[in-house]
Structure formats: C-alpha cells, structure tokens
N, C-alpha and C. Protein backbone atom coordinates (compact mmCIF):
# COMPACT_ATOMS: atom_id res chain seq x y z
N MET A 1 26.57 37.83 11.05
CA MET A 1 25.74 37.11 11.80
C MET A 1 24.94 37.40 12.86
N GLU A 2 23.86 36.43 12.50
CA GLU A 2 21.94 37.26 13.30
C GLU A 2 22.51 37.02 14.64
N PHE A 3 22.69 35.62 15.24
CA PHE A 3 22.41 35.20 16.68
C PHE A 3 23.97 35.05 17.31
N ILE A 4 25.32 35.79 16.98
CA ILE A 4 26.56 35.56 17.34
C ILE A 4 26.86 37.14 17.40
N LYS A 5 27.46 37.32 18.41
CA LYS A 5 28.02 38.80 18.46
C LYS A 5 29.74 38.79 19.04
N VAL A 6 30.60 39.58 18.08
CA VAL A 6 31.91 38.84 18.66
C VAL A 6 32.57 40.36 19.09
N THR A 7 32.97 41.01 20.13
CA THR A 7 34.16 41.91 20.50
C THR A 7 35.33 41.53 20.50
N GLU A 8 36.14 42.17 20.49
CA GLU A 8 37.25 42.19 20.91
C GLU A 8 38.25 42.97 21.28
N GLN A 9 38.82 43.27 22.25
CA GLN A 9 39.33 44.27 23.38
C GLN A 9 40.61 43.79 23.26
N LYS A 10 41.57 45.33 22.96
CA LYS A 10 42.87 44.90 23.08
C LYS A 10 43.88 45.17 23.72
N GLU A 11 43.40 45.46 25.16
CA GLU A 11 44.20 45.34 26.25
C GLU A 11 43.62 44.60 27.69
N PRO A 12 43.75 43.82 27.84
CA PRO A 12 44.52 42.73 27.52
C PRO A 12 43.78 42.13 26.15
N MET A 13 44.57 40.99 25.30
CA MET A 13 43.69 40.72 23.89
C MET A 13 42.36 39.27 23.99
N VAL A 14 40.99 39.69 24.46
CA VAL A 14 40.28 39.30 25.18
C VAL A 14 38.75 39.36 23.98
N ALA A 15 38.71 38.26 23.35
CA ALA A 15 37.47 38.18 23.12
C ALA A 15 36.22 37.57 23.67
N LEU A 16 35.18 38.72 23.11
CA LEU A 16 33.97 38.00 24.20
C LEU A 16 33.28 37.82 22.49
N ILE A 17 32.41 36.45 23.33
CA ILE A 17 31.43 35.94 21.89
C ILE A 17 29.76 35.85 23.14
N GLU A 18 28.89 36.60 22.26
CA GLU A 18 27.66 36.85 23.54
C GLU A 18 26.84 35.87 22.57
N LEU A 19 26.10 34.85 22.96
CA LEU A 19 24.56 34.40 22.29
C LEU A 19 23.54 35.32 22.10
N ASN A 20 23.11 35.40 21.24
CA ASN A 20 22.05 36.71 21.00
C ASN A 20 20.72 36.29 20.75
N ARG A 21 20.12 35.20 21.48
CA ARG A 21 18.89 34.79 21.40
C ARG A 21 17.60 35.01 22.79
N PRO A 22 17.85 35.83 22.82
CA PRO A 22 17.31 36.71 24.05
C PRO A 22 16.10 35.96 24.31
N LYS A 23 15.01 36.07 23.02
CA LYS A 23 13.54 36.18 23.75
C LYS A 23 13.28 34.41 23.49
N GLU A 24 14.38 34.05 23.33
CA GLU A 24 14.38 31.99 23.40
C GLU A 24 15.52 31.55 24.36
N LEU A 25 15.93 32.92 25.59
CA LEU A 25 16.27 32.16 26.11
C LEU A 25 17.91 31.89 26.09
N ASN A 26 18.43 32.39 24.88
CA ASN A 26 19.77 31.75 23.81
C ASN A 26 19.61 30.33 23.64
N ALA A 27 18.90 29.60 23.68
CA ALA A 27 18.39 28.00 23.32
C ALA A 27 19.35 28.32 21.93
N LEU A 28 20.07 27.19 21.64
CA LEU A 28 21.05 26.67 20.78
C LEU A 28 20.07 26.29 19.15
N ASN A 29 20.31 26.72 18.30
CA ASN A 29 19.67 25.99 17.01
C ASN A 29 20.83 25.87 16.43
N PRO A 30 20.28 25.35 15.29
CA PRO A 30 21.48 24.90 13.79
C PRO A 30 22.20 25.82 13.86
N GLN A 31 21.37 27.35 13.51
CA GLN A 31 22.11 28.65 12.73
C GLN A 31 23.07 29.20 13.88
N LEU A 32 22.40 29.12 15.03
CA LEU A 32 23.09 30.06 15.80
C LEU A 32 24.87 28.79 16.06
N MET A 33 24.43 27.61 16.39
CA MET A 33 25.88 26.62 16.38
C MET A 33 26.81 26.62 15.24
N GLY A 34 26.18 27.32 14.25
CA GLY A 34 26.91 27.28 13.00
C GLY A 34 28.03 28.48 12.95
N GLU A 35 26.88 29.28 13.83
CA GLU A 35 27.46 30.79 13.64
C GLU A 35 28.97 30.73 14.85
N LEU A 36 28.34 29.97 16.14
CA LEU A 36 29.32 29.99 16.90
C LEU A 36 30.59 29.31 16.50
N ARG A 37 30.30 28.13 15.86
CA ARG A 37 31.67 27.50 15.02
C ARG A 37 32.71 28.31 13.94
N ASP A 38 32.02 28.84 13.27
CA ASP A 38 32.80 30.00 12.57
C ASP A 38 33.18 31.51 13.10
N ALA A 39 32.80 31.69 14.68
CA ALA A 39 33.11 32.77 15.03
C ALA A 39 34.33 32.16 15.77
N LEU A 40 34.30 30.77 16.06
CA LEU A 40 35.83 30.41 17.13
C LEU A 40 36.77 30.05 16.13
N GLN A 41 36.36 29.83 14.94
CA GLN A 41 37.49 29.09 14.19
C GLN A 41 37.97 30.76 13.77
N ALA A 42 37.81 31.31 13.01
CA ALA A 42 37.59 32.98 12.90
C ALA A 42 38.71 33.76 14.15
N LEU A 43 38.54 33.49 15.41
CA LEU A 43 39.47 33.91 16.28
C LEU A 43 40.83 32.63 16.67
N ASP A 44 40.65 31.39 16.57
CA ASP A 44 41.41 30.56 16.94
C ASP A 44 42.58 31.47 15.65
N LYS A 45 42.31 31.77 14.78
CA LYS A 45 43.73 32.02 13.71
C LYS A 45 44.07 33.42 14.02
N ASN A 46 43.30 34.50 14.87
CA ASN A 46 43.82 35.45 15.49
C ASN A 46 44.92 35.28 16.39
N ASP A 47 46.40 35.49 16.66
CA ASP A 47 47.34 34.95 17.10
C ASP A 47 47.22 35.62 18.21
N GLN A 48 46.77 37.35 17.71
CA GLN A 48 47.00 38.16 19.02
C GLN A 48 45.60 37.98 20.21
N VAL A 49 44.68 36.87 19.88
CA VAL A 49 43.42 36.45 20.79
C VAL A 49 44.13 35.79 22.02
N ARG A 50 44.17 35.85 23.46
CA ARG A 50 44.78 34.94 24.18
C ARG A 50 43.65 34.40 24.85
N VAL A 51 42.20 35.22 25.16
CA VAL A 51 41.42 34.58 25.83
C VAL A 51 39.96 34.70 25.46
N ILE A 52 39.25 33.52 25.49
CA ILE A 52 37.78 33.89 24.70
C ILE A 52 36.88 33.75 25.84
N ILE A 53 36.17 34.67 25.88
CA ILE A 53 35.05 34.66 27.15
C ILE A 53 33.23 34.34 26.30
N LEU A 54 32.69 33.36 26.53
CA LEU A 54 31.46 32.70 25.83
C LEU A 54 30.88 32.98 26.74
N THR A 55 29.56 34.42 26.68
CA THR A 55 28.64 34.28 27.39
C THR A 55 27.05 34.34 26.93
N GLY A 56 26.10 35.01 27.38
CA GLY A 56 24.31 34.61 26.86
C GLY A 56 24.06 36.42 27.00
N ASN A 57 23.18 36.91 26.00
CA ASN A 57 22.85 38.19 26.12
C ASN A 57 21.12 38.20 27.02
N GLU A 58 21.51 39.06 27.87
CA GLU A 58 20.58 39.43 28.72
C GLU A 58 20.49 37.96 29.86
N GLN A 59 19.49 37.48 30.15
CA GLN A 59 19.26 37.02 31.68
C GLN A 59 19.88 35.43 31.21
N ALA A 60 19.76 34.74 30.64
CA ALA A 60 20.37 33.59 30.03
C ALA A 60 21.67 33.16 30.00
N PHE A 61 22.35 32.54 29.90
CA PHE A 61 23.39 32.16 29.07
C PHE A 61 23.27 30.77 27.96
N ALA A 62 22.34 30.00 28.26
CA ALA A 62 22.19 29.55 27.26
C ALA A 62 21.19 28.17 27.44
N ALA A 63 19.59 28.62 27.34
CA ALA A 63 18.91 27.20 27.78
C ALA A 63 18.90 25.72 27.11
N GLY A 64 20.05 26.17 26.20
CA GLY A 64 19.89 24.45 25.80
C GLY A 64 19.51 24.42 24.59
N ALA A 65 19.17 23.47 23.42
CA ALA A 65 19.54 22.88 22.28
C ALA A 65 17.52 23.40 21.74
N ASP A 66 17.10 23.72 20.89
CA ASP A 66 15.56 23.79 20.63
C ASP A 66 15.20 22.15 20.32
N ILE A 67 15.42 21.01 20.87
CA ILE A 67 15.25 19.76 20.58
C ILE A 67 14.41 19.81 22.17
N ILE A 68 13.11 19.27 21.78
CA ILE A 68 12.92 18.23 23.00
C ILE A 68 13.03 17.06 23.18
N VAL A 69 13.32 15.96 24.37
CA VAL A 69 13.48 14.58 24.42
C VAL A 69 12.55 14.08 25.05
N PHE A 70 11.53 12.78 24.74
CA PHE A 70 10.74 12.41 25.73
C PHE A 70 11.43 10.94 25.87
N MET A 71 10.96 10.58 27.39
CA MET A 71 12.03 8.72 27.55
C MET A 71 11.11 8.94 28.41
N ASP A 72 10.94 7.22 28.53
CA ASP A 72 10.34 6.90 30.04
C ASP A 72 11.20 7.03 31.11
N GLY A 73 10.41 7.20 32.52
CA GLY A 73 11.46 6.99 33.60
C GLY A 73 11.39 6.58 34.55
N ASP A 74 11.11 4.75 34.02
CA ASP A 74 10.84 3.90 34.59
C ASP A 74 12.53 3.06 34.69
N GLY A 75 13.63 3.20 33.58
CA GLY A 75 14.50 3.06 33.57
C GLY A 75 15.10 2.11 32.10
N SER A 76 13.91 1.80 31.70
CA SER A 76 13.59 0.99 30.73
C SER A 76 14.87 1.33 29.29
N ASP A 77 14.25 2.83 29.24
CA ASP A 77 15.10 3.95 27.89
C ASP A 77 16.30 3.74 28.19
N CYS A 78 17.58 3.49 27.17
CA CYS A 78 19.15 3.79 27.62
C CYS A 78 19.55 5.16 27.15
N PRO A 79 19.81 5.76 28.19
CA PRO A 79 19.91 6.90 27.69
C PRO A 79 21.30 7.47 26.89
N GLU A 80 22.21 6.71 26.70
CA GLU A 80 23.11 6.55 26.20
C GLU A 80 22.80 6.70 24.59
N PHE A 81 21.72 6.23 24.46
CA PHE A 81 21.87 7.07 22.94
C PHE A 81 20.68 7.87 22.72
N LEU A 82 20.66 8.86 23.57
CA LEU A 82 20.18 9.95 23.81
C LEU A 82 21.27 11.01 22.24
N GLU A 83 22.44 10.88 22.17
CA GLU A 83 23.32 11.70 21.53
C GLU A 83 22.68 11.06 20.49
N ALA A 84 22.57 9.79 19.64
CA ALA A 84 22.40 9.35 18.66
C ALA A 84 20.80 10.11 18.14
N LEU A 85 19.81 10.17 18.96
CA LEU A 85 18.92 11.07 19.01
C LEU A 85 18.61 12.45 18.43
N VAL A 86 19.78 13.00 19.45
CA VAL A 86 19.25 14.21 18.72
C VAL A 86 20.55 15.30 17.95
N THR A 87 21.84 14.20 17.58
CA THR A 87 22.38 14.64 16.95
C THR A 87 21.76 15.06 14.97
N PRO A 88 21.14 14.00 14.38
CA PRO A 88 20.55 14.41 13.66
C PRO A 88 19.96 15.33 13.47
N ILE A 89 19.02 16.41 14.36
CA ILE A 89 18.52 16.85 14.52
C ILE A 89 19.55 18.55 14.85
N LEU A 90 20.44 18.43 15.32
CA LEU A 90 21.54 19.26 15.30
C LEU A 90 22.17 19.45 13.88
N ARG A 91 22.18 18.14 13.26
CA ARG A 91 23.10 18.53 11.97
C ARG A 91 21.72 19.24 11.23
N ASN A 92 20.64 19.58 10.97
CA ASN A 92 19.57 19.00 10.60
C ASN A 92 19.08 18.96 9.52
N LYS A 93 18.97 17.65 9.73
CA LYS A 93 18.72 16.93 8.22
C LYS A 93 17.78 16.18 8.75
N TYR A 94 17.16 16.08 10.01
CA TYR A 94 16.25 15.73 10.41
C TYR A 94 15.66 16.35 11.53
N ASP A 95 13.70 16.58 11.19
CA ASP A 95 12.74 17.03 12.73
C ASP A 95 12.73 16.31 13.78
N PHE A 96 12.53 15.22 13.19
CA PHE A 96 11.98 13.86 14.56
C PHE A 96 12.90 12.43 14.32
N VAL A 97 13.21 12.47 15.30
CA VAL A 97 13.94 11.11 15.25
C VAL A 97 13.27 10.14 16.63
N ILE A 98 12.65 9.02 16.50
CA ILE A 98 12.62 8.24 17.07
C ILE A 98 13.11 6.74 17.24
N GLY A 99 13.09 6.24 18.37
CA GLY A 99 14.07 5.04 18.78
C GLY A 99 12.71 4.27 18.90
N SER A 100 13.75 3.14 17.60
CA SER A 100 13.03 1.58 17.64
C SER A 100 13.53 0.99 18.58
N ARG A 101 12.79 0.22 19.62
CA ARG A 101 13.29 -0.89 20.71
C ARG A 101 13.09 -2.15 19.43
N ILE A 102 12.34 -2.04 18.89
CA ILE A 102 12.27 -3.45 17.93
C ILE A 102 13.09 -3.76 17.09
N ARG A 103 13.57 -2.87 16.44
CA ARG A 103 14.88 -3.02 15.71
C ARG A 103 16.51 -3.25 17.14
N GLY A 104 16.44 -2.09 18.12
CA GLY A 104 17.69 -2.85 19.05
C GLY A 104 17.73 -3.69 19.60
N GLU A 105 18.41 -3.95 20.30
CA GLU A 105 18.84 -5.12 21.21
C GLU A 105 18.30 -4.92 22.24
N ARG A 106 17.14 -5.78 22.75
CA ARG A 106 15.99 -6.26 24.15
C ARG A 106 16.65 -6.71 24.71
N GLU A 107 16.76 -6.45 26.26
CA GLU A 107 16.53 -7.66 27.67
C GLU A 107 15.63 -8.30 27.39
N PRO A 108 15.67 -9.73 27.64
CA PRO A 108 14.73 -10.09 28.06
C PRO A 108 13.41 -9.73 29.00
N GLY A 109 12.40 -10.02 28.31
CA GLY A 109 11.23 -9.22 29.32
C GLY A 109 11.31 -8.03 29.44
N SER A 110 11.39 -7.50 28.89
CA SER A 110 11.85 -5.62 28.62
C SER A 110 10.56 -5.63 28.00
N LEU A 111 9.97 -6.35 26.56
CA LEU A 111 8.71 -5.63 25.95
C LEU A 111 8.07 -7.45 26.03
N THR A 112 6.75 -6.93 26.17
CA THR A 112 5.63 -8.34 26.16
C THR A 112 5.48 -8.53 24.28
N PHE A 113 5.09 -9.40 23.75
CA PHE A 113 4.62 -10.34 22.59
C PHE A 113 3.30 -8.84 22.44
N GLN A 114 2.41 -8.45 23.18
CA GLN A 114 1.17 -7.68 23.03
C GLN A 114 1.75 -6.23 22.54
N GLN A 115 3.16 -5.69 23.29
CA GLN A 115 4.06 -4.12 22.78
C GLN A 115 4.55 -4.79 21.46
N VAL A 116 5.53 -5.64 21.03
CA VAL A 116 5.61 -5.89 19.80
C VAL A 116 5.12 -5.68 18.82
N PHE A 117 3.79 -6.61 19.23
CA PHE A 117 2.51 -6.46 17.91
C PHE A 117 2.02 -5.11 17.64
N ALA A 118 1.81 -4.31 19.13
CA ALA A 118 1.84 -3.43 18.39
C ALA A 118 2.25 -1.79 18.05
N GLY A 119 3.30 -2.37 18.21
CA GLY A 119 4.37 -1.81 17.39
C GLY A 119 4.16 -1.74 16.07
N ARG A 120 4.22 -2.61 15.63
CA ARG A 120 4.27 -3.46 14.19
C ARG A 120 3.03 -2.96 13.35
N LEU A 121 2.30 -3.06 14.38
CA LEU A 121 1.21 -2.75 13.86
C LEU A 121 0.76 -1.38 13.58
N ALA A 122 1.25 -0.79 14.59
CA ALA A 122 1.24 0.87 14.09
C ALA A 122 1.89 1.15 13.17
N GLY A 123 3.14 0.82 12.68
CA GLY A 123 4.20 0.73 11.84
C GLY A 123 3.00 0.40 10.57
N TRP A 124 2.60 -0.63 10.67
CA TRP A 124 1.74 -0.74 9.14
C TRP A 124 0.94 -0.19 8.82
N MET A 125 -0.10 0.39 10.14
CA MET A 125 -0.84 1.42 9.79
C MET A 125 -0.57 2.77 8.91
N LEU A 126 0.51 3.08 9.91
CA LEU A 126 1.08 4.75 9.64
C LEU A 126 1.78 4.44 8.20
N GLN A 127 2.61 3.63 7.89
CA GLN A 127 2.89 3.50 6.34
C GLN A 127 1.68 3.05 5.32
N ALA A 128 0.39 2.43 6.01
CA ALA A 128 -0.32 2.31 4.55
C ALA A 128 -0.99 3.86 4.41
N TRP A 129 -0.95 4.68 5.66
CA TRP A 129 -2.30 6.01 5.38
C TRP A 129 -1.35 7.34 4.85
N TYR A 130 0.11 6.97 5.69
CA TYR A 130 0.85 8.29 5.61
C TYR A 130 1.78 8.03 4.39
N GLY A 131 2.76 6.65 4.16
CA GLY A 131 3.64 6.34 3.25
C GLY A 131 5.00 6.67 4.13
N VAL A 132 4.90 7.15 5.33
CA VAL A 132 6.16 6.63 6.47
C VAL A 132 6.06 5.65 6.98
N LYS A 133 7.59 5.38 7.29
CA LYS A 133 7.97 3.80 8.07
C LYS A 133 8.81 4.21 9.56
N PHE A 134 7.32 3.64 10.37
CA PHE A 134 7.89 3.29 11.96
C PHE A 134 7.81 1.64 12.28
N THR A 135 8.39 1.19 13.37
CA THR A 135 8.72 -0.26 13.58
C THR A 135 7.79 -0.30 15.46
N ASP A 136 7.64 0.94 15.59
CA ASP A 136 7.64 1.07 17.24
C ASP A 136 6.75 2.31 17.24
N MET A 137 6.09 2.09 18.74
CA MET A 137 5.65 3.65 18.85
C MET A 137 6.43 3.99 20.40
N SER A 138 7.79 3.60 20.62
CA SER A 138 8.38 3.87 21.61
C SER A 138 8.40 5.44 22.60
N PRO A 139 8.24 5.42 23.47
CA PRO A 139 8.63 7.11 23.99
C PRO A 139 9.83 7.74 23.72
N PHE A 140 10.92 7.10 23.71
CA PHE A 140 12.05 7.50 23.21
C PHE A 140 12.46 8.11 21.70
N ARG A 141 12.04 9.34 22.17
CA ARG A 141 12.40 10.41 20.93
C ARG A 141 12.65 11.74 20.97
N ALA A 142 12.92 12.00 19.50
CA ALA A 142 13.70 13.63 19.79
C ALA A 142 12.53 14.68 18.55
N ILE A 143 12.69 15.68 19.04
CA ILE A 143 11.74 16.59 18.12
C ILE A 143 12.37 18.08 18.21
N ARG A 144 12.05 18.73 16.94
CA ARG A 144 12.34 20.05 16.95
C ARG A 144 10.95 21.04 17.69
N ARG A 145 11.92 21.80 18.45
CA ARG A 145 10.81 22.48 19.29
C ARG A 145 9.65 23.31 18.32
N SER A 146 10.41 23.99 17.39
CA SER A 146 9.76 24.27 16.55
C SER A 146 8.69 23.42 15.65
N VAL A 147 8.63 22.22 15.46
CA VAL A 147 8.18 21.43 14.91
C VAL A 147 7.04 20.91 15.77
N LEU A 148 7.37 21.16 16.94
CA LEU A 148 6.52 20.01 18.12
C LEU A 148 5.25 21.39 18.67
N GLU A 149 5.79 22.36 18.57
CA GLU A 149 4.98 23.28 19.27
C GLU A 149 3.88 23.48 18.60
N PRO A 150 3.14 23.50 17.43
CA PRO A 150 2.10 23.61 16.49
C PRO A 150 1.42 22.77 16.52
N LEU A 151 2.10 21.37 17.16
CA LEU A 151 1.20 20.30 16.71
C LEU A 151 -0.13 20.08 17.28
N PRO A 152 -1.18 19.97 17.27
CA PRO A 152 -2.49 20.04 17.83
C PRO A 152 -2.64 18.53 18.70
N LEU A 153 -1.75 18.51 19.71
CA LEU A 153 -1.82 17.08 20.75
C LEU A 153 -2.95 17.50 21.45
N ARG A 154 -3.63 16.30 21.48
CA ARG A 154 -4.64 16.39 22.14
C ARG A 154 -4.24 15.10 23.31
N GLU A 155 -3.95 13.99 23.10
CA GLU A 155 -3.62 12.99 24.13
C GLU A 155 -3.02 12.86 25.11
N GLU A 156 -3.35 12.79 26.18
CA GLU A 156 -2.87 13.00 27.35
C GLU A 156 -2.58 11.12 28.27
N THR A 157 -3.07 10.15 27.41
CA THR A 157 -2.70 9.08 28.46
C THR A 157 -2.02 8.06 27.37
N TYR A 158 -2.80 6.73 27.19
CA TYR A 158 -1.71 5.76 26.03
C TYR A 158 -1.53 6.23 24.74
N GLY A 159 -2.65 7.09 24.06
CA GLY A 159 -2.25 7.15 22.82
C GLY A 159 -1.84 8.50 22.48
N TRP A 160 -0.93 8.87 23.48
CA TRP A 160 -0.26 10.36 22.88
C TRP A 160 1.27 9.76 21.85
N ASN A 161 1.90 8.71 22.26
CA ASN A 161 3.21 9.02 21.35
C ASN A 161 2.54 8.45 20.03
N LEU A 162 1.26 7.48 19.50
CA LEU A 162 0.89 7.27 18.10
C LEU A 162 0.46 8.80 17.76
N GLU A 163 -0.52 9.57 18.29
CA GLU A 163 -1.01 10.62 17.85
C GLU A 163 0.04 11.44 17.16
N MET A 164 1.13 11.87 18.42
CA MET A 164 2.79 12.48 18.11
C MET A 164 3.19 12.03 16.52
N GLN A 165 3.39 10.72 16.48
CA GLN A 165 3.90 10.13 15.16
C GLN A 165 2.56 10.39 13.80
N MET A 166 1.75 10.17 14.20
CA MET A 166 0.49 10.55 13.34
C MET A 166 0.79 12.60 12.84
N LEU A 167 1.00 12.91 13.92
CA LEU A 167 1.28 14.35 13.53
C LEU A 167 2.40 14.69 12.24
N VAL A 168 3.39 14.39 12.97
CA VAL A 168 4.56 14.78 12.30
C VAL A 168 4.39 14.55 11.43
N ALA A 169 3.37 12.71 10.97
CA ALA A 169 3.70 12.60 9.30
C ALA A 169 2.83 13.38 8.38
N GLN A 170 1.76 14.10 8.97
CA GLN A 170 0.80 14.76 8.49
C GLN A 170 1.49 15.84 8.40
N ALA A 171 2.21 16.41 8.86
CA ALA A 171 3.06 17.46 8.38
C ALA A 171 3.87 17.54 7.67
N LYS A 172 4.59 16.44 7.21
CA LYS A 172 5.49 15.94 6.35
C LYS A 172 6.97 16.50 6.69
N VAL A 173 7.49 16.55 8.09
CA VAL A 173 8.85 17.06 8.37
C VAL A 173 9.66 16.08 8.54
N ARG A 174 10.66 16.00 8.55
CA ARG A 174 12.09 15.29 8.02
C ARG A 174 12.44 14.21 9.22
N ILE A 175 11.67 12.68 8.81
CA ILE A 175 11.71 11.74 9.81
C ILE A 175 12.73 10.49 10.14
N LEU A 176 13.29 10.05 11.03
CA LEU A 176 14.46 9.40 11.59
C LEU A 176 13.65 8.32 12.11
N GLU A 177 13.73 7.07 12.06
CA GLU A 177 14.03 6.19 13.07
C GLU A 177 14.73 5.23 13.40
N ILE A 178 15.71 5.17 13.98
CA ILE A 178 16.69 4.27 14.65
C ILE A 178 16.75 3.60 15.69
N PRO A 179 17.47 2.43 15.91
CA PRO A 179 17.53 1.36 16.59
C PRO A 179 18.32 1.52 17.63
N VAL A 180 17.53 1.29 19.10
CA VAL A 180 17.78 2.00 20.12
C VAL A 180 17.99 0.84 21.28
N ASN A 181 18.57 0.26 22.17
CA ASN A 181 18.36 -0.67 23.04
C ASN A 181 17.25 -0.36 23.86
N HIS A 182 16.64 -1.41 24.88
CA HIS A 182 15.45 -1.44 25.38
C HIS A 182 15.63 -2.26 26.83
N ARG A 183 15.49 -2.09 28.21
CA ARG A 183 15.74 -3.06 29.59
C ARG A 183 15.00 -3.29 30.16
N ARG A 184 14.76 -3.87 30.89
CA ARG A 184 13.71 -4.17 32.01
C ARG A 184 13.19 -2.89 32.29
N ARG A 185 11.90 -2.91 33.14
CA ARG A 185 11.93 -1.33 33.66
C ARG A 185 12.44 -1.51 34.94
N GLN A 186 12.93 -0.43 35.56
CA GLN A 186 13.88 -0.40 37.06
C GLN A 186 12.85 -0.51 38.53
N GLY A 187 11.32 0.01 38.11
CA GLY A 187 10.83 0.01 39.37
C GLY A 187 9.28 0.26 38.45
N GLY A 188 8.21 -0.21 39.40
CA GLY A 188 7.14 0.16 38.71
C GLY A 188 6.34 -1.08 38.28
N VAL A 189 4.91 -1.11 38.25
CA VAL A 189 4.29 -1.87 37.09
C VAL A 189 3.41 -1.00 35.91
N SER A 190 4.01 -1.48 34.70
CA SER A 190 3.63 -0.96 33.63
C SER A 190 1.79 -0.64 33.67
N LYS A 191 1.44 0.30 34.11
CA LYS A 191 -0.41 0.54 33.63
C LYS A 191 -0.62 -0.27 32.44
N VAL A 192 0.10 -0.16 31.25
CA VAL A 192 0.04 -0.80 29.43
C VAL A 192 -0.11 -2.27 29.76
N SER A 193 1.04 -2.93 30.49
CA SER A 193 1.32 -4.26 29.90
C SER A 193 1.31 -4.98 31.32
N GLY A 194 1.32 -4.36 31.92
CA GLY A 194 1.33 -5.20 33.76
C GLY A 194 0.24 -5.98 34.30
N THR A 195 -1.17 -5.45 33.68
CA THR A 195 -2.47 -5.96 33.59
C THR A 195 -3.05 -6.25 32.33
N VAL A 196 -3.70 -7.11 32.29
CA VAL A 196 -5.02 -7.35 31.51
C VAL A 196 -5.58 -6.22 31.02
N ARG A 197 -6.59 -5.95 32.01
CA ARG A 197 -7.31 -4.65 31.90
C ARG A 197 -6.33 -3.30 31.56
N GLY A 198 -5.06 -3.73 31.91
CA GLY A 198 -4.33 -2.00 31.34
C GLY A 198 -4.29 -2.22 30.28
N THR A 199 -3.81 -3.11 29.14
CA THR A 199 -3.66 -3.96 27.78
C THR A 199 -4.68 -3.60 27.34
N LEU A 200 -5.98 -3.93 27.46
CA LEU A 200 -7.12 -3.84 26.81
C LEU A 200 -7.40 -2.30 26.93
N LEU A 201 -7.17 -1.80 28.02
CA LEU A 201 -7.51 -0.19 27.48
C LEU A 201 -6.74 0.37 26.85
N ALA A 202 -5.63 -0.15 26.96
CA ALA A 202 -4.44 0.80 25.89
C ALA A 202 -4.96 0.66 24.44
N GLY A 203 -5.29 -0.58 24.38
CA GLY A 203 -5.54 -1.26 23.01
C GLY A 203 -6.48 -0.06 22.82
N VAL A 204 -7.75 -0.26 23.06
CA VAL A 204 -9.22 1.43 22.78
C VAL A 204 -8.51 2.03 22.62
N ARG A 205 -7.79 2.22 23.60
CA ARG A 205 -7.29 4.25 23.36
C ARG A 205 -6.50 4.22 22.07
N ILE A 206 -5.90 3.63 21.99
CA ILE A 206 -4.53 3.82 20.86
C ILE A 206 -5.18 3.61 19.42
N ALA A 207 -6.56 2.27 19.79
CA ALA A 207 -7.73 2.39 18.07
C ALA A 207 -8.02 3.95 18.03
N SER A 208 -9.09 4.32 18.94
CA SER A 208 -10.08 5.44 18.99
C SER A 208 -8.66 6.72 18.44
N THR A 209 -7.24 6.92 18.92
CA THR A 209 -6.40 8.05 18.57
C THR A 209 -6.11 7.74 16.95
N PHE A 210 -5.70 6.60 16.87
CA PHE A 210 -5.83 6.89 15.25
C PHE A 210 -6.31 6.70 14.60
N LEU A 211 -7.59 6.65 14.87
CA LEU A 211 -9.32 6.85 14.25
C LEU A 211 -9.65 8.36 14.09
N ARG A 212 -9.45 8.78 15.42
CA ARG A 212 -9.95 10.47 15.65
C ARG A 212 -8.64 10.95 14.80
N VAL A 213 -7.58 11.07 14.51
CA VAL A 213 -6.26 11.86 14.30
C VAL A 213 -6.76 11.06 12.18
N ALA A 214 -6.43 10.11 12.17
CA ALA A 214 -6.73 10.07 10.71
C ALA A 214 -7.85 10.63 10.03
N PHE A 215 -9.06 10.84 10.41
CA PHE A 215 -10.23 11.29 9.57
C PHE A 215 -10.42 12.85 10.06
N THR A 216 -9.90 13.50 11.25
CA THR A 216 -10.18 14.77 11.70
C THR A 216 -8.97 15.64 10.74
N ALA A 217 -7.92 14.70 10.13
CA ALA A 217 -7.27 15.17 8.95
C ALA A 217 -7.54 14.91 7.96
N LYS A 218 -8.45 14.04 7.50
CA LYS A 218 -9.44 13.55 5.58
C LYS A 218 -10.70 14.22 6.30
N SER A 219 -11.31 14.60 6.80
CA SER A 219 -12.40 15.48 6.32
C SER A 219 -11.97 17.35 6.54
N ALA A 220 -10.30 17.33 7.23
CA ALA A 220 -9.97 18.92 7.03
C ALA A 220 -9.55 19.34 5.80
N ARG A 221 -10.07 18.18 4.77
CA ARG A 221 -8.73 18.32 3.81
C ARG A 221 -10.25 19.16 2.49
C-alpha cells in the first residue's frame, strides 16, 4: 500500500493504521480511501485484533478529501445536496460535478427570469463550442483539487463560474451535472439580479469572459 501503513502489536492486540500522505496533510483521495477500506477489511478478519487506532503521519490527521466545493453563502444553495455533489468524485467516476438549479426544485422567487435564461443560454453556447451539456451556471459545484489547481482562472467577478465551466470543458475532464434544489436567499441583495445595473454589468462581464476564454484557447491551438 502506498498511502497506508498498518502496524500490529502483540501485547495487547492493537492495530495502528497510519494515513501516509504528509505532504498533502493526509488528504483523502480515491486511492487512499481504497487502501483504507482494504486495510480495515483485512483487520476485521483478524480475530486477534481487538483495537484499531487510526492516525495520520506527521503534523495532520487528515485535511479532508482532495475535493473543493463552492456554494453561495446567502443560504440559497441547499447543503443537503453536498453528498450528491462529492460522491461521484470520491468514487472516481467524475472530476467536476455541478448542481443545476434549473433542473431541480426552485422556491418561488429564488431565481429571476434573467438568471434562468442566462443559464440556458450559457448551456447552449457551451454545448455548441465544446460539446458538453450544462443547463446552469450555478456556483454550487465540486471539483477535484488536482483538476482545479492547474486551471488558468482569472475572473474574480460575475464570470468566474462560466470561466471554470469552460476551462474544465477544455481540459476534457469527466463532467457531471445533477439537479439540486434552490431557495430564496436568506439575507442581503444580489449584486447580479438585485438591480438593473447589476444585471447589465453581469451580462457584459459574462459575455466578455466567454469570448476571452473561447478565443484564447482557439488561438493557442
């Protein structure tokens, strides 16, 4: 095993399992989780082992999984869908999973017509340009850390979500869209849909982001 160390002591019968990815703070990835499962199953068959201690090598026990999750902080995204977002990545079937508010159940007033239209329009453009199917630009998404870090992300305002979707499509990673529910925001006013000025600025920024990413990649070929 590459990321797991198993040590058995005879007196008393204690087994020590040590997560061994110190440079990554023992963050969980599919290989480590598979090795951990195998180690636990093997020790479970050993009738002499009475105690199993799980620890991490060096300074951290485990920094979590190698998955980054994005979601709005205004209470509109439903955290009960977190498991549905990250499970396909943990099972090593996908690298990028996005929640579609358009396909899920929406609380009345949670999305404006402009937001629904923009999500649909972005989906059509991405399918025409890259052959991938999206129905939304929802911020609620999960991505493998090793996929996210090399992406040349530049956008820090309205177009960041579209930029990420375009870049993962360019990278030809495994993409999945799932329906998620959406609620009305619990506080504050949206900078995008809350005012006419915000809606116009967001539209311009998203359009310029699409053109920049699409034609930068095309000129680089």
